[in-house]
Amino acid sequence: MTIVQQHFLCFHSFLPSFFIFQIMPAMCHTASIWLTLALAVQRYIYVCHAPMARTWCTMPRVKRFTIYITLAAFLHQSTRIFDRSYQALTIEWNGEMVEVCHVDNARWVQEFVGEDLYYTFFFLFRVLFVHLLPCIILVTLNILLFRALRKAQERRKLLISENRKKECKKLRESNCTTLMLIVVVTVFLIVEIPIAVVTAMHIVSSLTNNFLDYEVANIFITFTNFFLVVSYPINFGIYCGMSRQFRETFKEIFLGRMVEPHSRYSIVNGPRTCSNTNETVL
């Protein structure tokens, strides 16, 4: 077997596992953060700027933004596919000569960009646009939504006193959806903020005097990743427990004909009374 063939086999044996276990999780995590941010922005528009909702909170826009976010998350991680080189080496192991795959930074990273500049830019972009800014915006939106929720609760009390039951019921359902989103975003922030802090400390430590104890940091990252994974089923439980519309939509999508065909909620537009419009009901 020639050296070129060995390098080719080394590349194809290592790259799939690297893509599945390192690139894909980071890409999905990035998309999850930006999708949560998009959901919070959409809910803020629907609650605090209702006239704009018919323009911005529509299913076509939601689908387009979902595609844009997925593509952006992939592009953010796309350089990791090409920033490494793979070389087949023969070494002595336990008295025998064995072939191993040596992984190093690609030539364009080492010679043209520079390892320090490349990794600093990559992680700095991730800290700013994947962790820090989304968390700041989500905290701000959570505060604004909580204030709007309190005002809506006061309005609901007024409607109850005026015996306007129909408007009161509609406002109660809207408040429940807003409260559900606040809870989901709060759980999200509890998990994401520690990850952002550790990543930022890693960058500062790498650029200065290496003050970060990586044994402690690795233990901390293990726990944060564990809670990140746990938060996903918790979010599903929050949606199921706090949103009747989510439960009805979930049944309609995954159970299909097993549910009643005349459900109160449609997959796209929520209550059937709104099914003739293009507006989403979050």
C-alpha atoms as a PDB file:
ATOM      1  CA  MET A   1       0.000   0.000   0.000  1.00  0.00           C
ATOM      2  CA  THR A   2       1.384   3.385  -1.005  1.00  0.00           C
ATOM      3  CA  ILE A   3       1.792   6.333   1.384  1.00  0.00           C
ATOM      4  CA  VAL A   4      -0.994   8.221  -0.409  1.00  0.00           C
ATOM      5  CA  GLN A   5      -3.371   5.291   0.079  1.00  0.00           C
ATOM      6  CA  GLN A   6      -2.429   5.083   3.771  1.00  0.00           C
ATOM      7  CA  HIS A   7      -3.112   8.797   4.264  1.00  0.00           C
ATOM      8  CA  PHE A   8      -6.426   8.424   2.409  1.00  0.00           C
ATOM      9  CA  LEU A   9      -7.530   5.527   4.634  1.00  0.00           C
ATOM     10  CA  CYS A  10      -6.407   7.437   7.726  1.00  0.00           C
ATOM     11  CA  PHE A  11      -8.452  10.457   6.644  1.00  0.00           C
ATOM     12  CA  HIS A  12     -11.593   8.439   5.951  1.00  0.00           C
ATOM     13  CA  SER A  13     -11.331   6.407   9.139  1.00  0.00           C
ATOM     14  CA  PHE A  14     -10.895   9.399  11.471  1.00  0.00           C
ATOM     15  CA  LEU A  15     -12.995  12.161   9.886  1.00  0.00           C
ATOM     16  CA  PRO A  16     -16.459  10.518  10.261  1.00  0.00           C
ATOM     17  CA  SER A  17     -16.001   9.987  14.002  1.00  0.00           C
ATOM     18  CA  PHE A  18     -14.631  13.523  14.411  1.00  0.00           C
ATOM     19  CA  PHE A  19     -17.626  14.933  12.513  1.00  0.00           C
ATOM     20  CA  ILE A  20     -20.187  12.905  14.486  1.00  0.00           C
ATOM     21  CA  PHE A  21     -18.759  13.366  17.977  1.00  0.00           C
ATOM     22  CA  GLN A  22     -17.339  16.907  17.804  1.00  0.00           C
ATOM     23  CA  ILE A  23     -18.687  18.936  14.882  1.00  0.00           C
ATOM     24  CA  MET A  24     -22.317  17.750  14.888  1.00  0.00           C
ATOM     25  CA  PRO A  25     -22.919  18.303  18.648  1.00  0.00           C
ATOM     26  CA  ALA A  26     -21.424  21.813  18.468  1.00  0.00           C
ATOM     27  CA  MET A  27     -23.450  22.623  15.354  1.00  0.00           C
ATOM     28  CA  CYS A  28     -26.717  21.383  16.897  1.00  0.00           C
ATOM     29  CA  HIS A  29     -25.964  23.234  20.130  1.00  0.00           C
ATOM     30  CA  THR A  30     -25.357  26.459  18.214  1.00  0.00           C
ATOM     31  CA  ALA A  31     -28.577  26.033  16.233  1.00  0.00           C
ATOM     32  CA  SER A  32     -30.467  25.323  19.469  1.00  0.00           C
ATOM     33  CA  ILE A  33     -29.225  28.579  21.021  1.00  0.00           C
ATOM     34  CA  TRP A  34     -30.148  30.707  18.011  1.00  0.00           C
ATOM     35  CA  LEU A  35     -33.540  28.994  17.625  1.00  0.00           C
ATOM     36  CA  THR A  36     -34.313  29.706  21.284  1.00  0.00           C
ATOM     37  CA  LEU A  37     -33.355  33.330  20.709  1.00  0.00           C
ATOM     38  CA  ALA A  38     -35.557  33.516  17.602  1.00  0.00           C
ATOM     39  CA  LEU A  39     -38.472  32.033  19.550  1.00  0.00           C
ATOM     40  CA  ALA A  40     -38.052  34.577  22.352  1.00  0.00           C
ATOM     41  CA  VAL A  41     -37.860  37.475  19.875  1.00  0.00           C
ATOM     42  CA  GLN A  42     -40.986  36.245  18.113  1.00  0.00           C
ATOM     43  CA  ARG A  43     -42.888  35.950  21.376  1.00  0.00           C
ATOM     44  CA  TYR A  44     -41.740  39.424  22.413  1.00  0.00           C
ATOM     45  CA  ILE A  45     -43.073  40.852  19.138  1.00  0.00           C
ATOM     46  CA  TYR A  46     -46.361  38.995  19.556  1.00  0.00           C
ATOM     47  CA  VAL A  47     -46.884  40.185  23.152  1.00  0.00           C
ATOM     48  CA  CYS A  48     -45.385  43.676  23.184  1.00  0.00           C
ATOM     49  CA  HIS A  49     -45.808  44.749  19.541  1.00  0.00           C
ATOM     50  CA  ALA A  50     -48.934  42.917  18.436  1.00  0.00           C
ATOM     51  CA  PRO A  51     -49.515  44.893  15.179  1.00  0.00           C
ATOM     52  CA  MET A  52     -46.111  43.715  13.897  1.00  0.00           C
ATOM     53  CA  ALA A  53     -46.967  40.063  14.579  1.00  0.00           C
ATOM     54  CA  ARG A  54     -48.955  39.635  11.349  1.00  0.00           C
ATOM     55  CA  THR A  55     -45.835  40.627   9.399  1.00  0.00           C
ATOM     56  CA  TRP A  56     -43.057  38.921  11.375  1.00  0.00           C
ATOM     57  CA  CYS A  57     -44.751  36.023  13.211  1.00  0.00           C
ATOM     58  CA  THR A  58     -45.809  33.977  10.206  1.00  0.00           C
ATOM     59  CA  MET A  59     -45.064  30.390   9.260  1.00  0.00           C
ATOM     60  CA  PRO A  60     -43.145  31.262   6.049  1.00  0.00           C
ATOM     61  CA  ARG A  61     -40.839  33.538   8.036  1.00  0.00           C
ATOM     62  CA  VAL A  62     -40.422  30.916  10.755  1.00  0.00           C
ATOM     63  CA  LYS A  63     -39.430  28.302   8.164  1.00  0.00           C
ATOM     64  CA  ARG A  64     -36.978  30.687   6.475  1.00  0.00           C
ATOM     65  CA  PHE A  65     -35.363  31.718   9.755  1.00  0.00           C
ATOM     66  CA  THR A  66     -35.053  28.048  10.765  1.00  0.00           C
ATOM     67  CA  ILE A  67     -33.221  27.285   7.510  1.00  0.00           C
ATOM     68  CA  TYR A  68     -30.991  30.372   7.870  1.00  0.00           C
ATOM     69  CA  ILE A  69     -30.089  29.460  11.455  1.00  0.00           C
ATOM     70  CA  THR A  70     -29.271  25.860  10.495  1.00  0.00           C
ATOM     71  CA  LEU A  71     -27.043  27.021   7.634  1.00  0.00           C
ATOM     72  CA  ALA A  72     -25.313  29.605   9.848  1.00  0.00           C
ATOM     73  CA  ALA A  73     -24.659  26.984  12.530  1.00  0.00           C
ATOM     74  CA  PHE A  74     -23.160  24.666   9.898  1.00  0.00           C
ATOM     75  CA  LEU A  75     -20.979  27.425   8.424  1.00  0.00           C
ATOM     76  CA  HIS A  76     -19.762  28.307  11.913  1.00  0.00           C
ATOM     77  CA  GLN A  77     -18.415  24.765  12.311  1.00  0.00           C
ATOM     78  CA  SER A  78     -17.492  24.135   8.661  1.00  0.00           C
ATOM     79  CA  THR A  79     -13.853  25.189   9.041  1.00  0.00           C
ATOM     80  CA  ARG A  80     -13.334  22.416  11.604  1.00  0.00           C
ATOM     81  CA  ILE A  81     -13.723  19.881   8.781  1.00  0.00           C
ATOM     82  CA  PHE A  82     -10.701  21.291   6.932  1.00  0.00           C
ATOM     83  CA  ASP A  83      -8.489  22.625   9.749  1.00  0.00           C
ATOM     84  CA  ARG A  84      -6.790  19.273  10.413  1.00  0.00           C
ATOM     85  CA  SER A  85      -4.412  17.040   8.521  1.00  0.00           C
ATOM     86  CA  TYR A  86      -4.257  13.261   8.795  1.00  0.00           C
ATOM     87  CA  GLN A  87      -1.078  11.275   8.357  1.00  0.00           C
ATOM     88  CA  ALA A  88      -0.529   7.538   8.629  1.00  0.00           C
ATOM     89  CA  LEU A  89       2.477   6.617  10.773  1.00  0.00           C
ATOM     90  CA  THR A  90       4.062   3.328  11.763  1.00  0.00           C
ATOM     91  CA  ILE A  91       5.177   3.163  15.389  1.00  0.00           C
ATOM     92  CA  GLU A  92       6.370   0.507  17.782  1.00  0.00           C
ATOM     93  CA  TRP A  93       3.734  -0.497  20.342  1.00  0.00           C
ATOM     94  CA  ASN A  94       4.289  -3.333  22.840  1.00  0.00           C
ATOM     95  CA  GLY A  95       7.142  -4.660  20.775  1.00  0.00           C
ATOM     96  CA  GLU A  96       5.170  -4.665  17.523  1.00  0.00           C
ATOM     97  CA  MET A  97       5.053  -2.255  14.598  1.00  0.00           C
ATOM     98  CA  VAL A  98       1.531  -0.839  14.214  1.00  0.00           C
ATOM     99  CA  GLU A  99      -0.009   1.766  11.942  1.00  0.00           C
ATOM    100  CA  VAL A 100      -1.619   4.787  13.605  1.00  0.00           C
ATOM    101  CA  CYS A 101      -3.310   7.937  12.371  1.00  0.00           C
ATOM    102  CA  HIS A 102      -1.515  11.137  13.373  1.00  0.00           C
ATOM    103  CA  VAL A 103      -3.791  14.200  13.522  1.00  0.00           C
ATOM    104  CA  ASP A 104      -2.348  17.700  13.349  1.00  0.00           C
ATOM    105  CA  ASN A 105      -3.446  21.184  12.330  1.00  0.00           C
ATOM    106  CA  ALA A 106      -3.721  21.652   8.584  1.00  0.00           C
ATOM    107  CA  ARG A 107      -0.967  23.392   6.688  1.00  0.00           C
ATOM    108  CA  TRP A 108      -3.095  26.473   5.923  1.00  0.00           C
ATOM    109  CA  VAL A 109      -3.737  26.890   9.672  1.00  0.00           C
ATOM    110  CA  GLN A 110      -0.088  26.581  10.638  1.00  0.00           C
ATOM    111  CA  GLU A 111       1.546  28.596   7.833  1.00  0.00           C
ATOM    112  CA  PHE A 112      -1.000  31.040   6.420  1.00  0.00           C
ATOM    113  CA  VAL A 113      -3.315  31.918   9.318  1.00  0.00           C
ATOM    114  CA  GLY A 114      -1.429  30.884  12.422  1.00  0.00           C
ATOM    115  CA  GLU A 115      -2.696  28.539  15.105  1.00  0.00           C
ATOM    116  CA  ASP A 116      -3.048  31.237  17.771  1.00  0.00           C
ATOM    117  CA  LEU A 117      -4.982  33.598  15.475  1.00  0.00           C
ATOM    118  CA  TYR A 118      -7.215  30.850  14.082  1.00  0.00           C
ATOM    119  CA  TYR A 119      -8.287  29.358  17.413  1.00  0.00           C
ATOM    120  CA  THR A 120      -8.550  32.765  19.110  1.00  0.00           C
ATOM    121  CA  PHE A 121     -10.867  34.034  16.375  1.00  0.00           C
ATOM    122  CA  PHE A 122     -12.890  30.797  16.336  1.00  0.00           C
ATOM    123  CA  PHE A 123     -13.525  30.665  20.096  1.00  0.00           C
ATOM    124  CA  LEU A 124     -13.917  34.439  20.389  1.00  0.00           C
ATOM    125  CA  PHE A 125     -16.650  34.335  17.748  1.00  0.00           C
ATOM    126  CA  ARG A 126     -18.297  31.470  19.619  1.00  0.00           C
ATOM    127  CA  VAL A 127     -18.182  33.291  22.953  1.00  0.00           C
ATOM    128  CA  LEU A 128     -19.603  36.519  21.529  1.00  0.00           C
ATOM    129  CA  PHE A 129     -22.207  35.317  19.044  1.00  0.00           C
ATOM    130  CA  VAL A 130     -23.111  31.863  20.362  1.00  0.00           C
ATOM    131  CA  HIS A 131     -22.960  32.405  24.136  1.00  0.00           C
ATOM    132  CA  LEU A 132     -22.566  35.978  25.380  1.00  0.00           C
ATOM    133  CA  LEU A 133     -24.830  38.076  23.114  1.00  0.00           C
ATOM    134  CA  PRO A 134     -27.660  35.499  22.922  1.00  0.00           C
ATOM    135  CA  CYS A 135     -27.648  35.158  26.728  1.00  0.00           C
ATOM    136  CA  ILE A 136     -27.716  38.958  27.212  1.00  0.00           C
ATOM    137  CA  ILE A 137     -30.561  39.344  24.720  1.00  0.00           C
ATOM    138  CA  LEU A 138     -32.495  36.455  26.281  1.00  0.00           C
ATOM    139  CA  VAL A 139     -32.139  37.906  29.782  1.00  0.00           C
ATOM    140  CA  THR A 140     -33.394  41.267  28.490  1.00  0.00           C
ATOM    141  CA  LEU A 141     -36.340  39.679  26.660  1.00  0.00           C
ATOM    142  CA  ASN A 142     -37.195  37.598  29.720  1.00  0.00           C
ATOM    143  CA  ILE A 143     -37.390  40.759  31.838  1.00  0.00           C
ATOM    144  CA  LEU A 144     -39.541  42.545  29.245  1.00  0.00           C
ATOM    145  CA  LEU A 145     -41.843  39.553  28.870  1.00  0.00           C
ATOM    146  CA  PHE A 146     -42.197  39.240  32.640  1.00  0.00           C
ATOM    147  CA  ARG A 147     -43.191  42.906  32.862  1.00  0.00           C
ATOM    148  CA  ALA A 148     -45.695  42.423  30.042  1.00  0.00           C
ATOM    149  CA  LEU A 149     -47.038  39.339  31.821  1.00  0.00           C
ATOM    150  CA  ARG A 150     -47.649  41.305  35.016  1.00  0.00           C
ATOM    151  CA  LYS A 151     -49.480  44.008  33.087  1.00  0.00           C
ATOM    152  CA  ALA A 152     -51.556  41.356  31.336  1.00  0.00           C
ATOM    153  CA  GLN A 153     -52.446  39.799  34.703  1.00  0.00           C
ATOM    154  CA  GLU A 154     -53.691  43.177  35.935  1.00  0.00           C
ATOM    155  CA  ARG A 155     -55.726  43.610  32.752  1.00  0.00           C
ATOM    156  CA  ARG A 156     -57.177  40.124  33.220  1.00  0.00           C
ATOM    157  CA  LYS A 157     -58.346  41.024  36.720  1.00  0.00           C
ATOM    158  CA  LEU A 158     -60.067  44.072  35.236  1.00  0.00           C
ATOM    159  CA  LEU A 159     -61.748  41.916  32.587  1.00  0.00           C
ATOM    160  CA  ILE A 160     -62.941  39.505  35.270  1.00  0.00           C
ATOM    161  CA  SER A 161     -64.452  42.375  37.239  1.00  0.00           C
ATOM    162  CA  GLU A 162     -66.245  43.530  34.069  1.00  0.00           C
ATOM    163  CA  ASN A 163     -67.460  39.958  33.383  1.00  0.00           C
ATOM    164  CA  ARG A 164     -65.852  39.873  29.920  1.00  0.00           C
ATOM    165  CA  LYS A 165     -65.270  36.115  29.931  1.00  0.00           C
ATOM    166  CA  LYS A 166     -64.315  35.627  26.300  1.00  0.00           C
ATOM    167  CA  GLU A 167     -61.545  38.234  26.346  1.00  0.00           C
ATOM    168  CA  CYS A 168     -60.444  37.012  29.769  1.00  0.00           C
ATOM    169  CA  LYS A 169     -60.061  33.430  28.518  1.00  0.00           C
ATOM    170  CA  LYS A 170     -58.097  34.543  25.461  1.00  0.00           C
ATOM    171  CA  LEU A 171     -55.773  36.641  27.607  1.00  0.00           C
ATOM    172  CA  ARG A 172     -55.297  33.772  30.062  1.00  0.00           C
ATOM    173  CA  GLU A 173     -54.172  31.420  27.273  1.00  0.00           C
ATOM    174  CA  SER A 174     -51.757  34.062  25.972  1.00  0.00           C
ATOM    175  CA  ASN A 175     -50.367  34.559  29.480  1.00  0.00           C
ATOM    176  CA  CYS A 176     -49.849  30.815  29.895  1.00  0.00           C
ATOM    177  CA  THR A 177     -47.846  30.681  26.660  1.00  0.00           C
ATOM    178  CA  THR A 178     -45.744  33.675  27.705  1.00  0.00           C
ATOM    179  CA  LEU A 179     -45.107  32.146  31.136  1.00  0.00           C
ATOM    180  CA  MET A 180     -44.123  28.860  29.514  1.00  0.00           C
ATOM    181  CA  LEU A 181     -41.551  30.621  27.320  1.00  0.00           C
ATOM    182  CA  ILE A 182     -40.163  32.519  30.318  1.00  0.00           C
ATOM    183  CA  VAL A 183     -39.674  29.219  32.172  1.00  0.00           C
ATOM    184  CA  VAL A 184     -38.037  27.568  29.141  1.00  0.00           C
ATOM    185  CA  VAL A 185     -35.654  30.492  28.593  1.00  0.00           C
ATOM    186  CA  THR A 186     -34.790  30.576  32.315  1.00  0.00           C
ATOM    187  CA  VAL A 187     -33.858  26.873  32.272  1.00  0.00           C
ATOM    188  CA  PHE A 188     -31.866  27.533  29.108  1.00  0.00           C
ATOM    189  CA  LEU A 189     -29.956  30.421  30.702  1.00  0.00           C
ATOM    190  CA  ILE A 190     -29.171  28.434  33.858  1.00  0.00           C
ATOM    191  CA  VAL A 191     -27.368  25.898  31.645  1.00  0.00           C
ATOM    192  CA  GLU A 192     -25.843  28.221  29.046  1.00  0.00           C
ATOM    193  CA  ILE A 193     -24.379  30.990  31.219  1.00  0.00           C
ATOM    194  CA  PRO A 194     -21.858  28.659  33.000  1.00  0.00           C
ATOM    195  CA  ILE A 195     -20.746  27.306  29.601  1.00  0.00           C
ATOM    196  CA  ALA A 196     -20.238  30.852  28.332  1.00  0.00           C
ATOM    197  CA  VAL A 197     -18.225  31.768  31.429  1.00  0.00           C
ATOM    198  CA  VAL A 198     -15.910  28.739  31.131  1.00  0.00           C
ATOM    199  CA  THR A 199     -15.367  29.319  27.394  1.00  0.00           C
ATOM    200  CA  ALA A 200     -14.543  32.993  27.989  1.00  0.00           C
ATOM    201  CA  MET A 201     -12.139  32.067  30.794  1.00  0.00           C
ATOM    202  CA  HIS A 202     -10.457  29.549  28.486  1.00  0.00           C
ATOM    203  CA  ILE A 203      -9.824  32.242  25.855  1.00  0.00           C
ATOM    204  CA  VAL A 204      -8.503  34.776  28.387  1.00  0.00           C
ATOM    205  CA  SER A 205      -6.325  32.117  30.022  1.00  0.00           C
ATOM    206  CA  SER A 206      -4.885  31.059  26.649  1.00  0.00           C
ATOM    207  CA  LEU A 207      -4.027  34.649  25.734  1.00  0.00           C
ATOM    208  CA  THR A 208      -2.493  35.612  29.093  1.00  0.00           C
ATOM    209  CA  ASN A 209      -0.690  33.591  31.752  1.00  0.00           C
ATOM    210  CA  ASN A 210      -2.702  30.331  31.753  1.00  0.00           C
ATOM    211  CA  PHE A 211      -4.388  30.959  35.098  1.00  0.00           C
ATOM    212  CA  LEU A 212      -7.162  28.417  34.462  1.00  0.00           C
ATOM    213  CA  ASP A 213      -6.886  25.052  36.198  1.00  0.00           C
ATOM    214  CA  TYR A 214      -7.977  22.722  33.386  1.00  0.00           C
ATOM    215  CA  GLU A 215      -8.483  19.723  35.658  1.00  0.00           C
ATOM    216  CA  VAL A 216     -11.162  21.656  37.538  1.00  0.00           C
ATOM    217  CA  ALA A 217     -12.442  23.197  34.296  1.00  0.00           C
ATOM    218  CA  ASN A 218     -12.848  19.776  32.660  1.00  0.00           C
ATOM    219  CA  ILE A 219     -14.864  18.512  35.637  1.00  0.00           C
ATOM    220  CA  PHE A 220     -17.013  21.641  35.503  1.00  0.00           C
ATOM    221  CA  ILE A 221     -17.527  21.252  31.737  1.00  0.00           C
ATOM    222  CA  THR A 222     -18.555  17.615  32.226  1.00  0.00           C
ATOM    223  CA  PHE A 223     -21.263  18.645  34.687  1.00  0.00           C
ATOM    224  CA  THR A 224     -22.473  21.537  32.505  1.00  0.00           C
ATOM    225  CA  ASN A 225     -22.687  19.239  29.471  1.00  0.00           C
ATOM    226  CA  PHE A 226     -24.630  16.720  31.554  1.00  0.00           C
ATOM    227  CA  PHE A 227     -27.136  19.361  32.665  1.00  0.00           C
ATOM    228  CA  LEU A 228     -27.323  20.617  29.079  1.00  0.00           C
ATOM    229  CA  VAL A 229     -28.423  17.163  27.926  1.00  0.00           C
ATOM    230  CA  VAL A 230     -30.868  16.873  30.842  1.00  0.00           C
ATOM    231  CA  SER A 231     -32.413  20.257  30.009  1.00  0.00           C
ATOM    232  CA  TYR A 232     -33.755  18.995  26.661  1.00  0.00           C
ATOM    233  CA  PRO A 233     -36.273  16.491  28.111  1.00  0.00           C
ATOM    234  CA  ILE A 234     -37.058  19.036  30.842  1.00  0.00           C
ATOM    235  CA  ASN A 235     -38.025  21.544  28.145  1.00  0.00           C
ATOM    236  CA  PHE A 236     -40.231  18.934  26.496  1.00  0.00           C
ATOM    237  CA  GLY A 237     -41.902  18.339  29.859  1.00  0.00           C
ATOM    238  CA  ILE A 238     -42.441  22.078  30.303  1.00  0.00           C
ATOM    239  CA  TYR A 239     -44.071  22.349  26.884  1.00  0.00           C
ATOM    240  CA  CYS A 240     -46.315  19.357  27.537  1.00  0.00           C
ATOM    241  CA  GLY A 241     -47.242  20.454  31.048  1.00  0.00           C
ATOM    242  CA  MET A 242     -47.924  24.115  30.361  1.00  0.00           C
ATOM    243  CA  SER A 243     -49.266  24.228  26.795  1.00  0.00           C
ATOM    244  CA  ARG A 244     -52.462  22.483  25.749  1.00  0.00           C
ATOM    245  CA  GLN A 245     -51.829  23.673  22.190  1.00  0.00           C
ATOM    246  CA  PHE A 246     -48.434  21.940  22.205  1.00  0.00           C
ATOM    247  CA  ARG A 247     -50.024  18.701  23.438  1.00  0.00           C
ATOM    248  CA  GLU A 248     -52.728  18.851  20.768  1.00  0.00           C
ATOM    249  CA  THR A 249     -50.183  19.629  18.039  1.00  0.00           C
ATOM    250  CA  PHE A 250     -47.884  16.845  19.246  1.00  0.00           C
ATOM    251  CA  LYS A 251     -50.757  14.350  19.093  1.00  0.00           C
ATOM    252  CA  GLU A 252     -51.774  15.558  15.645  1.00  0.00           C
ATOM    253  CA  ILE A 253     -48.242  15.245  14.247  1.00  0.00           C
ATOM    254  CA  PHE A 254     -47.125  11.940  15.793  1.00  0.00           C
ATOM    255  CA  LEU A 255     -50.404  10.086  16.286  1.00  0.00           C
ATOM    256  CA  GLY A 256     -52.039  11.268  13.076  1.00  0.00           C
ATOM    257  CA  ARG A 257     -55.336   9.480  12.483  1.00  0.00           C
ATOM    258  CA  MET A 258     -55.490   8.214  16.059  1.00  0.00           C
ATOM    259  CA  VAL A 259     -56.557  11.690  17.246  1.00  0.00           C
ATOM    260  CA  GLU A 260     -59.881  13.336  16.553  1.00  0.00           C
ATOM    261  CA  PRO A 261     -59.868  15.052  13.147  1.00  0.00           C
ATOM    262  CA  HIS A 262     -61.692  18.124  14.489  1.00  0.00           C
ATOM    263  CA  SER A 263     -59.218  19.183  17.161  1.00  0.00           C
ATOM    264  CA  ARG A 264     -59.516  22.675  18.598  1.00  0.00           C
ATOM    265  CA  TYR A 265     -55.975  23.490  17.445  1.00  0.00           C
ATOM    266  CA  SER A 266     -54.320  23.411  14.046  1.00  0.00           C
ATOM    267  CA  ILE A 267     -50.679  22.578  13.531  1.00  0.00           C
ATOM    268  CA  VAL A 268     -49.839  25.966  12.027  1.00  0.00           C
ATOM    269  CA  ASN A 269     -52.204  28.544  13.382  1.00  0.00           C
ATOM    270  CA  GLY A 270     -53.323  27.388  16.827  1.00  0.00           C
ATOM    271  CA  PRO A 271     -57.063  27.828  17.317  1.00  0.00           C
ATOM    272  CA  ARG A 272     -59.145  26.756  14.353  1.00  0.00           C
ATOM    273  CA  THR A 273     -60.771  30.169  14.231  1.00  0.00           C
ATOM    274  CA  CYS A 274     -57.449  31.568  12.962  1.00  0.00           C
ATOM    275  CA  SER A 275     -56.795  28.843  10.398  1.00  0.00           C
ATOM    276  CA  ASN A 276     -57.630  31.109   7.469  1.00  0.00           C
ATOM    277  CA  THR A 277     -54.830  33.520   8.282  1.00  0.00           C
ATOM    278  CA  ASN A 278     -51.109  33.146   7.890  1.00  0.00           C
ATOM    279  CA  GLU A 279     -50.323  34.204  11.443  1.00  0.00           C
ATOM    280  CA  THR A 280     -48.742  31.866  13.941  1.00  0.00           C
ATOM    281  CA  VAL A 281     -50.025  31.681  17.479  1.00  0.00           C
ATOM    282  CA  LEU A 282     -47.195  31.138  19.945  1.00  0.00           C
END
